[in-house]
Amino acid sequence: MVLVDLPLPLLLLLLLLPRIALTQLKILTLLLLLLLLQEPQAAEKPKPRLCGICEEQEGKYKCPRCSLPYCSVVCFRSHKENHPPDPPKPTLPPKPSTLGANQDASSKTRKRNAHPFSVLDDSPELQRLFSKYPRLPSKLAKINAATLPPKDEQQQPPGRGGLPWTLAQAPGYQSKKPKWTHDTGLKRGKEALRKARTDPGEDGDAVREYCDLVLHLLAREEDVKVNVTDLVRQQVTQEDVKLIEDLMKAEEKWA
């Protein structure tokens, strides 16, 4: 798999996304991109195109009419003699009305201001993939669960008489386990994703196809590659500031 060429602003966005509210699908996408960015990728050399006429030699040239590759003048002459007629030129559609143009401009503006991962929200390709692999959502949910604090580290309510339910809540108890942080959650999530991708069974096929499809959708979306810096600024709204404060309070709880 060739890594999608991500611009620097998008990499900066990836560093900020853990502090922004994300759906489970977007969290998994972030883990996928962070994982792939850290893996060395072997460059795949494109295979030479064969001549479309003799299908033996490398097609170094292209037909000016149909772009069919050919290797020599002899092959081009043979192709030219049997070349199909050019298709009729399509008639130009009428110019859109002012109202339609304004709607298109408004739609493009909304699309440009959308979250760079919003292309994944209503993707029919992803829906077909989930239909093909019914267990895929549960596998993704397990990967997402790896990013969350372990249940045994969560605070338990006191028992009868105010006695703690667990030893971890006893006065003076100091746990030897490392403190959970968001970086720890991302690290565990990447490891869970890496393990799921290397599964030789059908579940591994599902996760690998999911990874390939996510990268394909993000590479196809032009708005991911432009105006990312402005998009980061727009994410820091009043609602996001409140969310960041809540996340900071959660970190203090685990400190």
Protein backbone atom coordinates (compact mmCIF):
# COMPACT_ATOMS: atom_id res chain seq x y z
CA MET A 1 0.00 0.00 0.00
CA VAL A 2 1.40 3.40 -0.98
CA LEU A 3 0.94 6.01 1.72
CA VAL A 4 -1.23 8.94 0.73
CA ASP A 5 0.88 12.07 0.38
CA LEU A 6 -0.45 14.18 3.24
CA PRO A 7 0.41 17.90 3.37
CA LEU A 8 1.96 19.40 6.49
CA PRO A 9 -1.21 21.28 7.55
CA LEU A 10 -3.09 17.96 7.64
CA LEU A 11 -0.40 16.46 9.84
CA LEU A 12 -0.84 19.41 12.21
CA LEU A 13 -4.58 18.76 12.17
CA LEU A 14 -3.98 15.15 13.13
CA LEU A 15 -2.09 16.33 16.20
CA LEU A 16 -5.03 18.51 17.24
CA LEU A 17 -7.80 16.04 16.53
CA PRO A 18 -7.41 14.09 19.82
CA ARG A 19 -8.58 17.25 21.58
CA ILE A 20 -11.67 17.60 19.37
CA ALA A 21 -14.90 15.64 19.55
CA LEU A 22 -14.78 12.79 17.03
CA THR A 23 -17.11 9.98 16.16
CA GLN A 24 -15.87 6.43 16.58
CA LEU A 25 -15.25 6.21 12.84
CA LYS A 26 -13.11 9.36 12.84
CA ILE A 27 -11.11 8.17 15.85
CA LEU A 28 -10.30 4.95 14.02
CA THR A 29 -9.34 6.96 10.93
CA LEU A 30 -6.97 9.05 13.04
CA LEU A 31 -5.39 5.90 14.48
CA LEU A 32 -5.02 4.48 10.99
CA LEU A 33 -3.28 7.58 9.64
CA LEU A 34 -0.98 7.90 12.64
CA LEU A 35 -0.09 4.23 12.33
CA LEU A 36 0.67 4.41 8.63
CA LEU A 37 2.65 7.63 8.97
CA GLN A 38 5.05 5.83 11.31
CA GLU A 39 5.51 2.78 9.09
CA PRO A 40 8.24 2.76 6.42
CA GLN A 41 6.60 2.44 3.04
CA ALA A 42 8.30 0.77 0.10
CA ALA A 43 7.86 2.75 -3.10
CA GLU A 44 6.19 0.67 -5.80
CA LYS A 45 7.58 1.21 -9.28
CA PRO A 46 4.82 1.49 -11.89
CA LYS A 47 4.85 -1.26 -14.48
CA PRO A 48 5.58 -0.10 -18.04
CA ARG A 49 2.52 0.04 -20.27
CA LEU A 50 2.55 -2.31 -23.22
CA CYS A 51 1.79 -1.26 -26.76
CA GLY A 52 -1.95 -1.43 -27.34
CA ILE A 53 -1.47 -2.79 -30.88
CA CYS A 54 1.21 -5.50 -30.70
CA GLU A 55 1.01 -5.94 -26.91
CA GLU A 56 4.69 -6.94 -26.85
CA GLN A 57 6.83 -3.81 -26.62
CA GLU A 58 6.60 -0.91 -24.20
CA GLY A 59 4.12 1.74 -25.33
CA LYS A 60 6.28 4.86 -25.27
CA TYR A 61 3.89 7.03 -27.30
CA LYS A 62 0.19 7.82 -27.25
CA CYS A 63 -2.35 8.17 -30.03
CA PRO A 64 -3.35 11.86 -30.19
CA ARG A 65 -7.01 10.91 -30.71
CA CYS A 66 -7.65 8.14 -28.18
CA SER A 67 -4.42 8.10 -26.06
CA LEU A 68 -3.81 4.42 -26.87
CA PRO A 69 -0.13 3.63 -26.17
CA TYR A 70 1.95 2.39 -29.12
CA CYS A 71 5.59 1.47 -29.56
CA SER A 72 6.52 2.27 -33.17
CA VAL A 73 5.43 3.93 -36.39
CA VAL A 74 4.41 0.55 -37.82
CA CYS A 75 1.98 -0.07 -34.99
CA PHE A 76 0.67 3.48 -35.17
CA ARG A 77 -0.07 3.15 -38.90
CA SER A 78 -1.94 -0.07 -38.28
CA HIS A 79 -3.91 1.58 -35.52
CA LYS A 80 -4.58 4.70 -37.60
CA GLU A 81 -6.05 2.69 -40.48
CA ASN A 82 -8.46 0.92 -38.15
CA HIS A 83 -9.11 3.85 -35.85
CA PRO A 84 -12.81 4.20 -34.92
CA PRO A 85 -14.47 7.51 -35.74
CA ASP A 86 -14.43 10.23 -33.15
CA PRO A 87 -17.59 10.42 -31.04
CA PRO A 88 -19.86 13.39 -31.73
CA LYS A 89 -19.18 16.42 -29.60
CA PRO A 90 -21.75 16.77 -26.83
CA THR A 91 -23.98 19.79 -26.88
CA LEU A 92 -23.22 22.32 -24.20
CA PRO A 93 -25.83 22.36 -21.42
CA PRO A 94 -27.62 25.63 -20.77
CA LYS A 95 -25.98 27.93 -18.28
CA PRO A 96 -27.33 27.46 -14.77
CA SER A 97 -29.57 30.12 -13.40
CA THR A 98 -28.35 32.60 -10.84
CA LEU A 99 -30.25 30.75 -8.12
CA GLY A 100 -28.66 27.43 -9.09
CA ALA A 101 -25.22 29.02 -9.21
CA ASN A 102 -25.71 30.51 -5.76
CA GLN A 103 -26.83 27.12 -4.41
CA ASP A 104 -23.78 25.45 -5.92
CA ALA A 105 -21.51 28.10 -4.42
CA SER A 106 -23.19 27.69 -1.04
CA SER A 107 -22.81 23.91 -1.27
CA LYS A 108 -19.12 24.24 -2.13
CA THR A 109 -18.64 26.64 0.79
CA ARG A 110 -20.28 24.22 3.21
CA LYS A 111 -18.16 21.40 1.82
CA ARG A 112 -14.99 23.48 2.16
CA ASN A 113 -15.84 24.37 5.76
CA ALA A 114 -16.71 20.80 6.70
CA HIS A 115 -14.52 18.60 8.83
CA PRO A 116 -11.85 16.88 6.69
CA PHE A 117 -13.16 13.48 7.81
CA SER A 118 -16.81 14.36 7.08
CA VAL A 119 -16.50 12.46 3.79
CA LEU A 120 -16.64 9.28 5.91
CA ASP A 121 -19.92 10.13 7.64
CA ASP A 122 -22.35 9.14 4.86
CA SER A 123 -20.08 7.16 2.56
CA PRO A 124 -22.03 4.51 0.56
CA GLU A 125 -18.77 2.64 0.03
CA LEU A 126 -18.35 2.22 3.78
CA GLN A 127 -21.96 1.09 4.14
CA ARG A 128 -21.41 -1.58 1.49
CA LEU A 129 -18.25 -2.69 3.27
CA PHE A 130 -20.14 -3.03 6.57
CA SER A 131 -22.79 -5.09 4.75
CA LYS A 132 -20.09 -7.32 3.28
CA TYR A 133 -18.46 -7.88 6.68
CA PRO A 134 -21.19 -7.86 9.38
CA ARG A 135 -18.61 -8.35 12.16
CA LEU A 136 -16.54 -5.33 11.06
CA PRO A 137 -18.38 -2.79 13.29
CA SER A 138 -17.71 -4.91 16.37
CA LYS A 139 -14.02 -5.24 15.43
CA LEU A 140 -13.78 -1.47 15.02
CA ALA A 141 -15.56 -0.99 18.34
CA LYS A 142 -12.91 -3.14 20.05
CA ILE A 143 -10.18 -1.00 18.51
CA ASN A 144 -11.96 2.11 19.71
CA ALA A 145 -12.30 0.58 23.20
CA ALA A 146 -8.51 0.21 23.32
CA THR A 147 -8.24 4.02 23.24
CA LEU A 148 -10.38 4.42 26.38
CA PRO A 149 -9.30 4.20 30.03
CA PRO A 150 -9.35 0.60 31.36
CA LYS A 151 -12.44 -0.22 33.40
CA ASP A 152 -10.37 -1.34 36.38
CA GLU A 153 -8.88 2.17 36.58
CA GLN A 154 -12.23 3.89 36.70
CA GLN A 155 -13.40 5.14 40.06
CA GLN A 156 -15.80 2.79 41.87
CA PRO A 157 -18.53 3.98 44.26
CA PRO A 158 -17.94 3.29 47.98
CA GLY A 159 -19.48 0.19 49.51
CA ARG A 160 -21.40 -0.26 52.74
CA GLY A 161 -20.17 1.86 55.59
CA GLY A 162 -18.08 3.90 53.18
CA LEU A 163 -15.55 1.08 52.70
CA PRO A 164 -13.88 0.99 49.27
CA TRP A 165 -14.91 -1.68 46.80
CA THR A 166 -11.35 -2.18 45.61
CA LEU A 167 -7.89 -2.01 47.12
CA ALA A 168 -7.04 0.77 44.68
CA GLN A 169 -9.38 3.07 46.61
CA ALA A 170 -7.89 2.27 50.03
CA PRO A 171 -6.19 5.21 51.80
CA GLY A 172 -2.48 5.39 51.10
CA TYR A 173 -2.65 2.87 48.26
CA GLN A 174 -0.29 3.67 45.38
CA SER A 175 -0.77 1.83 42.13
CA LYS A 176 2.30 0.62 40.26
CA LYS A 177 0.49 0.87 36.94
CA PRO A 178 1.38 3.83 34.71
CA LYS A 179 -1.13 6.65 34.73
CA TRP A 180 -3.56 6.64 31.81
CA THR A 181 -3.35 9.59 29.40
CA HIS A 182 -4.78 10.34 25.97
CA ASP A 183 -1.37 9.55 24.48
CA THR A 184 -1.54 6.16 26.17
CA GLY A 185 -4.97 5.61 24.67
CA LEU A 186 -3.74 6.46 21.18
CA LYS A 187 -0.76 4.16 21.57
CA ARG A 188 -2.95 1.26 22.67
CA GLY A 189 -5.39 1.98 19.86
CA LYS A 190 -2.62 1.89 17.26
CA GLU A 191 -1.39 -1.43 18.61
CA ALA A 192 -4.93 -2.84 18.51
CA LEU A 193 -5.34 -1.62 14.93
CA ARG A 194 -1.98 -3.07 13.91
CA LYS A 195 -2.94 -6.44 15.41
CA ALA A 196 -6.33 -6.40 13.69
CA ARG A 197 -4.77 -5.60 10.30
CA THR A 198 -2.37 -8.54 10.54
CA ASP A 199 -5.12 -11.06 11.35
CA PRO A 200 -4.92 -13.74 8.59
CA GLY A 201 -8.64 -14.53 8.84
CA GLU A 202 -11.77 -12.90 7.45
CA ASP A 203 -11.81 -10.30 10.22
CA GLY A 204 -8.33 -9.22 9.17
CA ASP A 205 -9.49 -8.94 5.55
CA ALA A 206 -12.35 -6.72 6.71
CA VAL A 207 -10.07 -4.37 8.66
CA ARG A 208 -7.54 -4.20 5.83
CA GLU A 209 -10.25 -3.35 3.29
CA TYR A 210 -11.57 -0.75 5.71
CA CYS A 211 -8.11 0.84 5.98
CA ASP A 212 -7.64 0.89 2.21
CA LEU A 213 -11.09 2.38 1.66
CA VAL A 214 -10.58 5.12 4.25
CA LEU A 215 -7.29 6.18 2.66
CA HIS A 216 -8.92 6.10 -0.78
CA LEU A 217 -11.83 8.29 0.34
CA LEU A 218 -9.53 10.81 2.02
CA ALA A 219 -7.25 10.94 -1.03
CA ARG A 220 -10.25 11.47 -3.31
CA GLU A 221 -11.59 14.34 -1.24
CA GLU A 222 -9.87 17.47 -2.53
CA ASP A 223 -10.98 19.57 0.43
CA VAL A 224 -8.77 17.47 2.71
CA LYS A 225 -5.72 18.83 0.91
CA VAL A 226 -6.68 22.51 0.91
CA ASN A 227 -7.67 25.06 3.53
CA VAL A 228 -6.78 22.64 6.33
CA THR A 229 -5.12 25.37 8.37
CA ASP A 230 -8.26 27.50 8.22
CA LEU A 231 -10.28 24.44 9.14
CA VAL A 232 -8.25 23.95 12.30
CA ARG A 233 -8.99 27.53 13.34
CA GLN A 234 -12.70 26.99 12.73
CA GLN A 235 -12.69 23.90 14.93
CA VAL A 236 -11.72 25.99 17.95
CA THR A 237 -15.25 27.27 18.57
CA GLN A 238 -16.90 27.97 21.87
CA GLU A 239 -18.24 24.41 21.99
CA ASP A 240 -14.82 22.92 21.30
CA VAL A 241 -13.26 25.07 24.02
CA LYS A 242 -15.74 23.65 26.53
CA LEU A 243 -14.96 20.14 25.32
CA ILE A 244 -11.22 20.72 25.71
CA GLU A 245 -11.82 21.94 29.26
CA ASP A 246 -13.77 18.75 30.00
CA LEU A 247 -10.94 16.65 28.57
CA MET A 248 -8.40 18.51 30.70
CA LYS A 249 -10.53 17.86 33.79
CA ALA A 250 -10.66 14.17 32.83
CA GLU A 251 -6.86 14.10 32.59
CA GLU A 252 -6.60 15.69 36.05
CA LYS A 253 -8.91 12.97 37.36
CA TRP A 254 -6.51 10.27 36.18
CA ALA A 255 -3.41 12.20 37.32
